[in-house]
Amino acid sequence: MAMNTIGSWQNHAISLGLPPNTPVKKQIDEFIRRWDNFPIAPERRANPAWAQNTVDGDEINLFDILPLFRLNDGDGGFYLDKACVVSRDPLDPDNFGKQNVGIYRMEVKGKRKLGLQPVPMHDIALHLHKAEERGEDLPIAITLGNDPIITLMGATPLKYDQSEYEMAGALRESSYPSATAPLTCFDVPWGSEVILEGVIESRKREIEGPFGEFTGHYSGGRNMTVVRIDKVSYRTRPIFESLYLGMPWTEIDYLMGPATCVPLYQQLKAEFPEVQAVNAMYTHGLLAIISTKKRYGGFARAVGLRAMTTPHGLGYVKMVIMVDEDVDPFNLPQVMWALSSKVNPSGDLVQLPNMSVLELDPGSSPAGITDKLIIDATTPVAPDNRGHYSQPVVDLPETKAWAEKLTAMLAARK
């Protein structure tokens, strides 16, 4: 068994092929730089190690094949929570870009039965909706024991027609190795340890949960989809990888932090070149801090609204703090200064009632519905003439050089 493989910033850096001591902000900057490599087509390989052993149909017993264990004492069962789930658009199955690779929690409910939670805002939920409209099951392939790059991609909210495999190639700066799953013929990672293939059964729901989630709370039990496993392929003596999550910070926060910041930044920057940086590191991006230049009065709020309607924002971004371009959203003292000195609650809080959010948000009521909030901590520009902002206090040009000189002198005395 293996756990916590991306459970530190040092390990996250290694997963990107960077030195372990690379600062977090530089890791995000490198993620952004490599994003521009997209797309890099995968390299399809034969003879994957996971094809060494196979089990079919009623011979499958997941309790024998996998070393399952309970992650939190209040969990309703054993979970697969770091597997990648591959699905295709039933109406356009040959469109490689619409083939989705995502990470969804799955409760092992029987020898060949899983309960899977498809969050409505995720691509797999759209695939399932299309299949069920036709009265069909949705074929899926579940990959366990994946290398960190495809795990990062499975956690990254891409656009619907962007391929996780092509983005994985961009992130590793070379083609990502894939293979063909024997039953579904889906593209799966060549280097995985175990491949489970089967279907999400059409219009069938059973209670799944509770489960200790990334919010730091148990999610409770809800009616979720049922997966029937029809084929298992696995490497001899496979490594079973799992992910612990619960009260932040845990491995999922290291995994999701940059993987949320970067796509939000890229999607906003494409439409608003004025956007400078996005910090969505906290609790899966339920809160985002965005720095931007302003074209005109109210512009920052428009950016905040757009953040809430990106692929990730629809289900997660429920609070946005907008700051000026000279405020680093990753520097929390600067953010606190902007909040305390620039926000007038009478006009700088924009509340949006009855908005969508994922059901796991414990503050939503009913589950999946919440009010969202934009906090505008930017300096007003015309025609918004509120406040009485004078020239900001800034250091003289030579201050930085003197600070560095004095720091070096003090270091030399030690």
Protein backbone atom coordinates (compact mmCIF):
# COMPACT_ATOMS: atom_id res chain seq x y z
CA MET A 1 0.00 0.00 0.00
CA ALA A 2 1.08 3.59 -0.60
CA MET A 3 -0.32 6.84 0.78
CA ASN A 4 0.59 10.51 0.95
CA THR A 5 2.64 10.43 -2.27
CA ILE A 6 1.77 14.09 -2.98
CA GLY A 7 1.29 14.97 0.70
CA SER A 8 3.86 17.77 0.92
CA TRP A 9 5.05 20.65 -1.23
CA GLN A 10 8.34 18.80 -1.66
CA ASN A 11 6.53 15.76 -3.08
CA HIS A 12 4.33 17.98 -5.24
CA ALA A 13 7.48 19.54 -6.71
CA ILE A 14 8.97 16.11 -7.40
CA SER A 15 5.77 15.05 -9.18
CA LEU A 16 6.33 17.98 -11.57
CA GLY A 17 9.97 17.01 -12.06
CA LEU A 18 11.17 20.02 -10.04
CA PRO A 19 13.71 20.15 -7.19
CA PRO A 20 12.06 19.29 -3.85
CA ASN A 21 12.79 22.72 -2.36
CA THR A 22 11.03 24.64 -5.16
CA PRO A 23 8.80 27.33 -3.54
CA VAL A 24 5.05 26.82 -3.94
CA LYS A 25 4.58 29.99 -6.00
CA LYS A 26 7.31 28.86 -8.40
CA GLN A 27 5.62 25.48 -8.74
CA ILE A 28 2.41 27.24 -9.75
CA ASP A 29 4.29 29.50 -12.16
CA GLU A 30 5.88 26.43 -13.77
CA PHE A 31 2.47 24.75 -14.01
CA ILE A 32 1.20 27.85 -15.83
CA ARG A 33 4.20 27.87 -18.18
CA ARG A 34 3.77 24.20 -19.11
CA TRP A 35 0.04 24.68 -19.67
CA ASP A 36 0.94 26.48 -22.87
CA ASN A 37 2.45 23.21 -24.22
CA PHE A 38 -1.09 21.82 -24.59
CA PRO A 39 -1.92 19.67 -26.46
CA ILE A 40 0.72 16.93 -26.60
CA ALA A 41 -0.73 13.69 -27.95
CA PRO A 42 -0.27 10.56 -25.81
CA GLU A 43 2.06 7.72 -26.74
CA ARG A 44 0.06 4.52 -27.08
CA ARG A 45 1.99 1.51 -25.81
CA ALA A 46 1.38 -2.23 -25.77
CA ASN A 47 1.96 -4.83 -23.04
CA PRO A 48 1.14 -2.83 -19.89
CA ALA A 49 2.09 -4.46 -16.59
CA TRP A 50 -1.53 -4.29 -15.43
CA ALA A 51 -2.43 -6.90 -18.10
CA GLN A 52 -0.49 -9.66 -16.30
CA ASN A 53 -3.59 -10.97 -14.49
CA THR A 54 -7.31 -10.81 -15.29
CA VAL A 55 -10.53 -11.78 -13.52
CA ASP A 56 -13.96 -11.65 -15.16
CA GLY A 57 -17.62 -11.56 -14.18
CA ASP A 58 -18.77 -13.41 -11.09
CA GLU A 59 -15.22 -14.54 -10.33
CA ILE A 60 -14.41 -10.96 -9.27
CA ASN A 61 -14.03 -10.30 -5.55
CA LEU A 62 -12.66 -6.83 -4.88
CA PHE A 63 -12.23 -7.67 -1.20
CA ASP A 64 -9.67 -10.32 -2.16
CA ILE A 65 -7.93 -8.36 -4.92
CA LEU A 66 -7.52 -5.03 -3.09
CA PRO A 67 -6.16 -4.44 0.46
CA LEU A 68 -9.11 -2.27 1.47
CA PHE A 69 -9.24 -0.30 4.73
CA ARG A 70 -11.33 2.41 6.37
CA LEU A 71 -9.89 5.93 6.06
CA ASN A 72 -11.89 7.66 8.83
CA ASP A 73 -13.66 5.91 11.68
CA GLY A 74 -17.03 7.39 10.69
CA ASP A 75 -16.86 6.28 7.06
CA GLY A 76 -19.71 4.09 5.88
CA GLY A 77 -17.38 1.58 4.25
CA PHE A 78 -14.13 1.03 2.34
CA TYR A 79 -13.34 3.64 -0.30
CA LEU A 80 -11.35 4.04 -3.49
CA ASP A 81 -10.59 7.75 -3.37
CA LYS A 82 -7.49 8.22 -5.52
CA ALA A 83 -8.50 6.21 -8.57
CA CYS A 84 -9.01 7.86 -11.95
CA VAL A 85 -12.32 7.14 -13.67
CA VAL A 86 -12.35 7.20 -17.49
CA SER A 87 -15.63 7.77 -19.35
CA ARG A 88 -16.69 8.87 -22.82
CA ASP A 89 -19.46 11.06 -24.19
CA PRO A 90 -22.12 8.54 -25.31
CA LEU A 91 -23.20 10.84 -28.14
CA ASP A 92 -19.65 11.43 -29.38
CA PRO A 93 -17.60 8.43 -28.20
CA ASP A 94 -14.82 8.83 -30.77
CA ASN A 95 -14.05 12.42 -29.71
CA PHE A 96 -10.78 12.02 -27.80
CA GLY A 97 -11.06 15.44 -26.17
CA LYS A 98 -14.45 14.58 -24.65
CA GLN A 99 -13.09 11.41 -23.04
CA ASN A 100 -12.90 12.37 -19.39
CA VAL A 101 -10.42 11.34 -16.71
CA GLY A 102 -11.58 12.37 -13.25
CA ILE A 103 -11.22 11.45 -9.59
CA TYR A 104 -14.44 10.55 -7.80
CA ARG A 105 -14.92 8.82 -4.49
CA MET A 106 -16.16 5.23 -4.72
CA GLU A 107 -17.43 3.04 -1.90
CA VAL A 108 -16.81 -0.70 -2.26
CA LYS A 109 -20.29 -2.09 -1.62
CA GLY A 110 -19.93 -5.69 -2.80
CA LYS A 111 -17.61 -8.17 -4.48
CA ARG A 112 -18.07 -6.42 -7.81
CA LYS A 113 -20.21 -3.43 -6.85
CA LEU A 114 -19.23 0.17 -6.12
CA GLY A 115 -21.13 3.31 -5.22
CA LEU A 116 -19.80 6.31 -7.16
CA GLN A 117 -20.48 9.98 -6.47
CA PRO A 118 -20.67 11.95 -9.76
CA VAL A 119 -20.78 15.61 -8.71
CA PRO A 120 -23.32 17.28 -11.07
CA MET A 121 -20.79 19.88 -12.25
CA HIS A 122 -18.25 17.26 -13.33
CA ASP A 123 -17.93 15.85 -16.85
CA ILE A 124 -18.80 12.29 -15.83
CA ALA A 125 -22.19 13.53 -14.62
CA LEU A 126 -22.88 14.94 -18.09
CA HIS A 127 -21.80 11.65 -19.68
CA LEU A 128 -24.12 9.76 -17.33
CA HIS A 129 -27.02 12.13 -18.02
CA LYS A 130 -26.66 11.57 -21.77
CA ALA A 131 -26.50 7.79 -21.32
CA GLU A 132 -29.52 7.66 -19.03
CA GLU A 133 -31.57 9.80 -21.41
CA ARG A 134 -31.04 6.97 -23.92
CA GLY A 135 -31.81 4.31 -21.30
CA GLU A 136 -28.23 3.04 -21.45
CA ASP A 137 -25.56 2.12 -18.92
CA LEU A 138 -22.40 4.23 -18.97
CA PRO A 139 -19.20 2.20 -19.54
CA ILE A 140 -16.25 3.27 -17.38
CA ALA A 141 -12.68 2.21 -16.68
CA ILE A 142 -11.26 2.77 -13.20
CA THR A 143 -7.48 3.03 -12.89
CA LEU A 144 -5.67 2.53 -9.58
CA GLY A 145 -2.03 3.10 -8.69
CA ASN A 146 -1.43 5.91 -11.16
CA ASP A 147 1.63 8.07 -11.56
CA PRO A 148 1.32 11.57 -10.03
CA ILE A 149 0.95 13.46 -13.32
CA ILE A 150 -2.30 11.77 -14.37
CA THR A 151 -3.54 12.03 -10.77
CA LEU A 152 -2.94 15.78 -10.96
CA MET A 153 -4.82 15.92 -14.25
CA GLY A 154 -7.71 13.91 -12.86
CA ALA A 155 -8.03 16.58 -10.18
CA THR A 156 -7.72 19.52 -12.60
CA PRO A 157 -10.95 21.14 -13.88
CA LEU A 158 -10.34 21.32 -17.63
CA LYS A 159 -12.84 22.39 -20.25
CA TYR A 160 -15.24 19.70 -21.47
CA ASP A 161 -13.36 19.03 -24.71
CA GLN A 162 -9.83 19.25 -23.29
CA SER A 163 -8.09 15.90 -22.93
CA GLU A 164 -6.47 15.09 -19.59
CA TYR A 165 -3.97 12.87 -21.43
CA GLU A 166 -2.94 15.70 -23.75
CA MET A 167 -2.65 18.05 -20.78
CA ALA A 168 -0.62 15.43 -18.89
CA GLY A 169 1.77 15.46 -21.83
CA ALA A 170 1.97 19.24 -21.63
CA LEU A 171 2.71 19.07 -17.91
CA ARG A 172 5.43 16.42 -18.23
CA GLU A 173 6.68 18.05 -21.48
CA SER A 174 6.57 14.74 -23.34
CA SER A 175 3.89 12.34 -24.54
CA TYR A 176 2.00 10.60 -21.77
CA PRO A 177 2.07 6.77 -22.14
CA SER A 178 -1.37 5.20 -22.47
CA ALA A 179 -2.77 1.78 -23.29
CA THR A 180 -6.13 0.36 -24.37
CA ALA A 181 -8.37 -1.20 -21.74
CA PRO A 182 -9.40 -4.69 -22.93
CA LEU A 183 -13.17 -4.54 -22.26
CA THR A 184 -14.18 -0.91 -22.83
CA CYS A 185 -11.34 -0.10 -25.29
CA PHE A 186 -10.91 3.19 -23.41
CA ASP A 187 -7.55 4.94 -23.11
CA VAL A 188 -6.04 4.24 -19.68
CA PRO A 189 -2.60 4.94 -18.19
CA TRP A 190 0.00 2.44 -19.35
CA GLY A 191 1.75 2.47 -15.98
CA SER A 192 -1.23 1.89 -13.67
CA GLU A 193 -1.33 -1.01 -11.21
CA VAL A 194 -4.98 -2.10 -11.50
CA ILE A 195 -7.73 -1.52 -14.08
CA LEU A 196 -11.40 -2.09 -13.19
CA GLU A 197 -13.88 -2.05 -16.07
CA GLY A 198 -17.62 -2.06 -15.98
CA VAL A 199 -20.65 0.22 -16.17
CA ILE A 200 -22.58 2.76 -14.15
CA GLU A 201 -25.99 1.10 -14.20
CA SER A 202 -28.66 3.30 -15.74
CA ARG A 203 -31.09 5.00 -13.33
CA LYS A 204 -29.99 2.83 -10.42
CA ARG A 205 -29.22 4.54 -7.11
CA GLU A 206 -28.30 3.31 -3.64
CA ILE A 207 -27.22 4.95 -0.40
CA GLU A 208 -23.50 5.80 -0.45
CA GLY A 209 -21.60 7.26 2.49
CA PRO A 210 -21.00 8.76 4.96
CA PHE A 211 -17.42 9.71 4.15
CA GLY A 212 -14.93 12.09 5.76
CA GLU A 213 -14.47 14.75 3.09
CA PHE A 214 -12.04 17.55 2.15
CA THR A 215 -14.31 20.07 3.90
CA GLY A 216 -13.30 18.58 7.25
CA HIS A 217 -16.82 17.18 7.75
CA TYR A 218 -18.53 13.88 7.04
CA SER A 219 -20.79 14.15 4.02
CA GLY A 220 -23.58 11.87 5.22
CA GLY A 221 -25.30 9.19 3.19
CA ARG A 222 -27.00 10.04 -0.12
CA ASN A 223 -28.48 8.16 -3.07
CA MET A 224 -25.65 7.74 -5.57
CA THR A 225 -24.93 5.75 -8.70
CA VAL A 226 -24.14 2.03 -8.71
CA VAL A 227 -21.16 0.59 -10.61
CA ARG A 228 -20.99 -3.05 -11.72
CA ILE A 229 -17.45 -4.31 -12.31
CA ASP A 230 -17.18 -6.81 -15.18
CA LYS A 231 -13.43 -7.17 -15.61
CA VAL A 232 -10.34 -6.64 -13.44
CA SER A 233 -6.80 -6.48 -14.81
CA TYR A 234 -3.88 -6.13 -12.42
CA ARG A 235 -0.13 -6.33 -12.14
CA THR A 236 1.32 -9.20 -10.15
CA ARG A 237 1.72 -7.91 -6.58
CA PRO A 238 0.18 -4.51 -7.37
CA ILE A 239 0.71 -1.42 -5.23
CA PHE A 240 -2.60 -0.14 -3.86
CA GLU A 241 -2.56 3.65 -3.50
CA SER A 242 -5.04 5.58 -1.41
CA LEU A 243 -5.47 9.17 -0.30
CA TYR A 244 -6.30 10.39 3.18
CA LEU A 245 -8.58 13.39 3.43
CA GLY A 246 -10.37 15.05 6.30
CA MET A 247 -9.69 18.18 8.31
CA PRO A 248 -7.35 20.33 6.16
CA TRP A 249 -4.48 20.18 5.46
CA THR A 250 -4.17 16.68 4.08
CA GLU A 251 -2.81 15.26 0.83
CA ILE A 252 -5.86 16.37 -1.14
CA ASP A 253 -5.07 20.01 -0.35
CA TYR A 254 -1.58 19.69 -1.82
CA LEU A 255 -3.05 17.83 -4.80
CA MET A 256 -5.94 20.23 -5.44
CA GLY A 257 -4.34 23.59 -4.57
CA PRO A 258 -2.24 24.30 -7.68
CA ALA A 259 -4.54 22.12 -9.82
CA THR A 260 -7.34 24.58 -8.99
CA CYS A 261 -5.35 27.84 -9.15
CA VAL A 262 -3.88 27.24 -12.59
CA PRO A 263 -7.00 26.39 -14.66
CA LEU A 264 -8.95 29.21 -12.99
CA TYR A 265 -6.14 31.60 -13.86
CA GLN A 266 -5.85 30.35 -17.45
CA GLN A 267 -9.59 30.45 -18.09
CA LEU A 268 -9.96 33.96 -16.64
CA LYS A 269 -6.80 35.29 -18.30
CA ALA A 270 -8.07 34.16 -21.72
CA GLU A 271 -11.11 36.42 -21.38
CA PHE A 272 -9.71 39.13 -19.09
CA PRO A 273 -6.02 39.83 -19.84
CA GLU A 274 -6.02 42.18 -16.86
CA VAL A 275 -6.07 39.23 -14.41
CA GLN A 276 -2.68 38.92 -12.70
CA ALA A 277 -2.94 35.91 -10.37
CA VAL A 278 -5.44 33.52 -8.77
CA ASN A 279 -5.08 31.91 -5.35
CA ALA A 280 -7.66 29.13 -4.92
CA MET A 281 -5.55 26.98 -2.60
CA TYR A 282 -8.04 26.66 0.22
CA THR A 283 -10.62 23.87 0.58
CA HIS A 284 -10.73 22.93 -3.08
CA GLY A 285 -11.25 26.53 -4.22
CA LEU A 286 -14.45 27.24 -2.29
CA LEU A 287 -12.67 30.55 -1.70
CA ALA A 288 -10.66 32.30 -4.44
CA ILE A 289 -8.51 35.43 -4.21
CA ILE A 290 -7.99 37.15 -7.56
CA SER A 291 -5.78 40.13 -8.40
CA THR A 292 -6.59 42.20 -11.46
CA LYS A 293 -6.13 45.52 -13.16
CA LYS A 294 -9.35 47.44 -13.84
CA ARG A 295 -10.58 48.82 -17.14
CA TYR A 296 -13.45 50.75 -15.56
CA GLY A 297 -15.64 50.91 -12.47
CA GLY A 298 -17.19 47.56 -11.58
CA PHE A 299 -14.70 45.60 -13.70
CA ALA A 300 -13.24 43.62 -10.79
CA ARG A 301 -16.70 42.41 -9.84
CA ALA A 302 -17.31 41.20 -13.39
CA VAL A 303 -14.13 39.12 -13.12
CA GLY A 304 -15.38 37.70 -9.82
CA LEU A 305 -18.70 36.77 -11.40
CA ARG A 306 -16.92 35.02 -14.27
CA ALA A 307 -14.78 33.03 -11.83
CA MET A 308 -18.00 31.63 -10.40
CA THR A 309 -19.12 30.37 -13.83
CA THR A 310 -15.93 28.61 -14.95
CA PRO A 311 -16.02 24.79 -15.05
CA HIS A 312 -14.67 24.69 -11.49
CA GLY A 313 -16.44 27.79 -10.24
CA LEU A 314 -19.93 26.45 -10.94
CA GLY A 315 -19.60 23.87 -8.20
CA TYR A 316 -16.96 25.27 -5.91
CA VAL A 317 -16.13 28.98 -5.97
CA LYS A 318 -18.66 30.43 -3.53
CA MET A 319 -16.56 33.34 -2.23
CA VAL A 320 -14.25 35.58 -4.25
CA ILE A 321 -11.99 38.28 -2.87
CA MET A 322 -10.96 40.73 -5.59
CA VAL A 323 -7.73 42.71 -5.03
CA ASP A 324 -5.69 45.22 -7.02
CA GLU A 325 -2.85 44.18 -9.32
CA ASP A 326 -0.23 45.33 -6.77
CA VAL A 327 -1.60 42.91 -4.13
CA ASP A 328 -0.19 39.38 -4.25
CA PRO A 329 -3.12 37.00 -3.59
CA PHE A 330 -0.64 34.45 -2.20
CA ASN A 331 0.61 36.98 0.38
CA LEU A 332 -2.09 36.83 3.06
CA PRO A 333 -0.86 39.92 5.00
CA GLN A 334 -1.27 41.93 1.78
CA VAL A 335 -4.75 40.45 1.25
CA MET A 336 -5.74 41.28 4.84
CA TRP A 337 -4.48 44.86 4.31
CA ALA A 338 -6.64 45.20 1.19
CA LEU A 339 -9.68 43.81 3.00
CA SER A 340 -9.24 46.03 6.04
CA SER A 341 -8.42 49.28 4.20
CA LYS A 342 -10.40 49.14 0.93
CA VAL A 343 -13.69 47.38 1.69
CA ASN A 344 -16.80 49.42 2.52
CA PRO A 345 -19.48 46.87 3.45
CA SER A 346 -22.23 49.17 2.20
CA GLY A 347 -21.12 48.84 -1.41
CA ASP A 348 -18.32 46.31 -1.79
CA LEU A 349 -20.16 43.10 -0.89
CA VAL A 350 -22.05 41.48 -3.77
CA GLN A 351 -24.33 38.66 -2.59
CA LEU A 352 -25.81 36.26 -5.14
CA PRO A 353 -28.69 34.14 -3.81
CA ASN A 354 -29.63 30.56 -4.72
CA MET A 355 -26.48 29.61 -6.62
CA SER A 356 -25.14 26.13 -7.35
CA VAL A 357 -22.42 24.52 -5.24
CA LEU A 358 -21.39 20.92 -4.76
CA GLU A 359 -23.52 19.03 -2.27
CA LEU A 360 -20.48 18.37 -0.06
CA ASP A 361 -20.40 22.03 1.05
CA PRO A 362 -21.72 21.72 4.63
CA GLY A 363 -22.95 25.33 4.57
CA SER A 364 -25.28 24.80 1.62
CA SER A 365 -29.02 24.63 2.30
CA PRO A 366 -30.53 22.63 0.79
CA ALA A 367 -27.44 20.61 -0.11
CA GLY A 368 -26.16 21.94 -3.44
CA ILE A 369 -27.67 25.45 -3.15
CA THR A 370 -25.94 28.42 -1.53
CA ASP A 371 -25.61 32.18 -1.65
CA LYS A 372 -22.31 33.29 -3.17
CA LEU A 373 -20.31 36.37 -2.25
CA ILE A 374 -17.91 38.71 -4.02
CA ILE A 375 -15.82 40.96 -1.78
CA ASP A 376 -14.44 43.84 -3.83
CA ALA A 377 -11.22 44.92 -2.11
CA THR A 378 -9.94 46.90 -5.10
CA THR A 379 -9.44 50.66 -5.38
CA PRO A 380 -12.47 52.24 -7.13
CA VAL A 381 -11.88 53.70 -10.60
CA ALA A 382 -14.10 55.99 -12.68
CA PRO A 383 -17.00 56.21 -12.89
CA ASP A 384 -16.99 54.63 -9.40
CA ASN A 385 -15.74 57.53 -7.29
CA ARG A 386 -16.48 56.20 -3.81
CA GLY A 387 -13.99 56.69 -0.98
CA HIS A 388 -11.14 59.16 -0.65
CA TYR A 389 -8.02 57.27 -1.66
CA SER A 390 -4.84 59.35 -1.73
CA GLN A 391 -1.44 58.38 -3.11
CA PRO A 392 -0.35 55.03 -1.63
CA VAL A 393 2.73 54.85 0.59
CA VAL A 394 5.48 52.99 -1.28
CA ASP A 395 9.15 52.34 -0.69
CA LEU A 396 11.78 54.44 -2.43
CA PRO A 397 13.54 52.68 -5.34
CA GLU A 398 16.73 52.24 -3.30
CA THR A 399 14.99 50.70 -0.27
CA LYS A 400 15.14 47.12 -1.57
CA ALA A 401 18.87 47.37 -2.30
CA TRP A 402 19.56 48.73 1.20
CA ALA A 403 17.46 45.98 2.79
CA GLU A 404 19.40 43.31 0.90
CA LYS A 405 22.72 44.94 1.86
CA LEU A 406 21.81 45.10 5.56
CA THR A 407 20.55 41.51 5.51
CA ALA A 408 23.86 40.36 4.02
CA MET A 409 25.82 42.33 6.64
CA LEU A 410 23.82 40.74 9.46
CA ALA A 411 24.29 37.27 7.99
CA ALA A 412 28.06 37.85 7.78
CA ARG A 413 28.19 38.64 11.51
CA LYS A 414 26.71 35.29 12.54
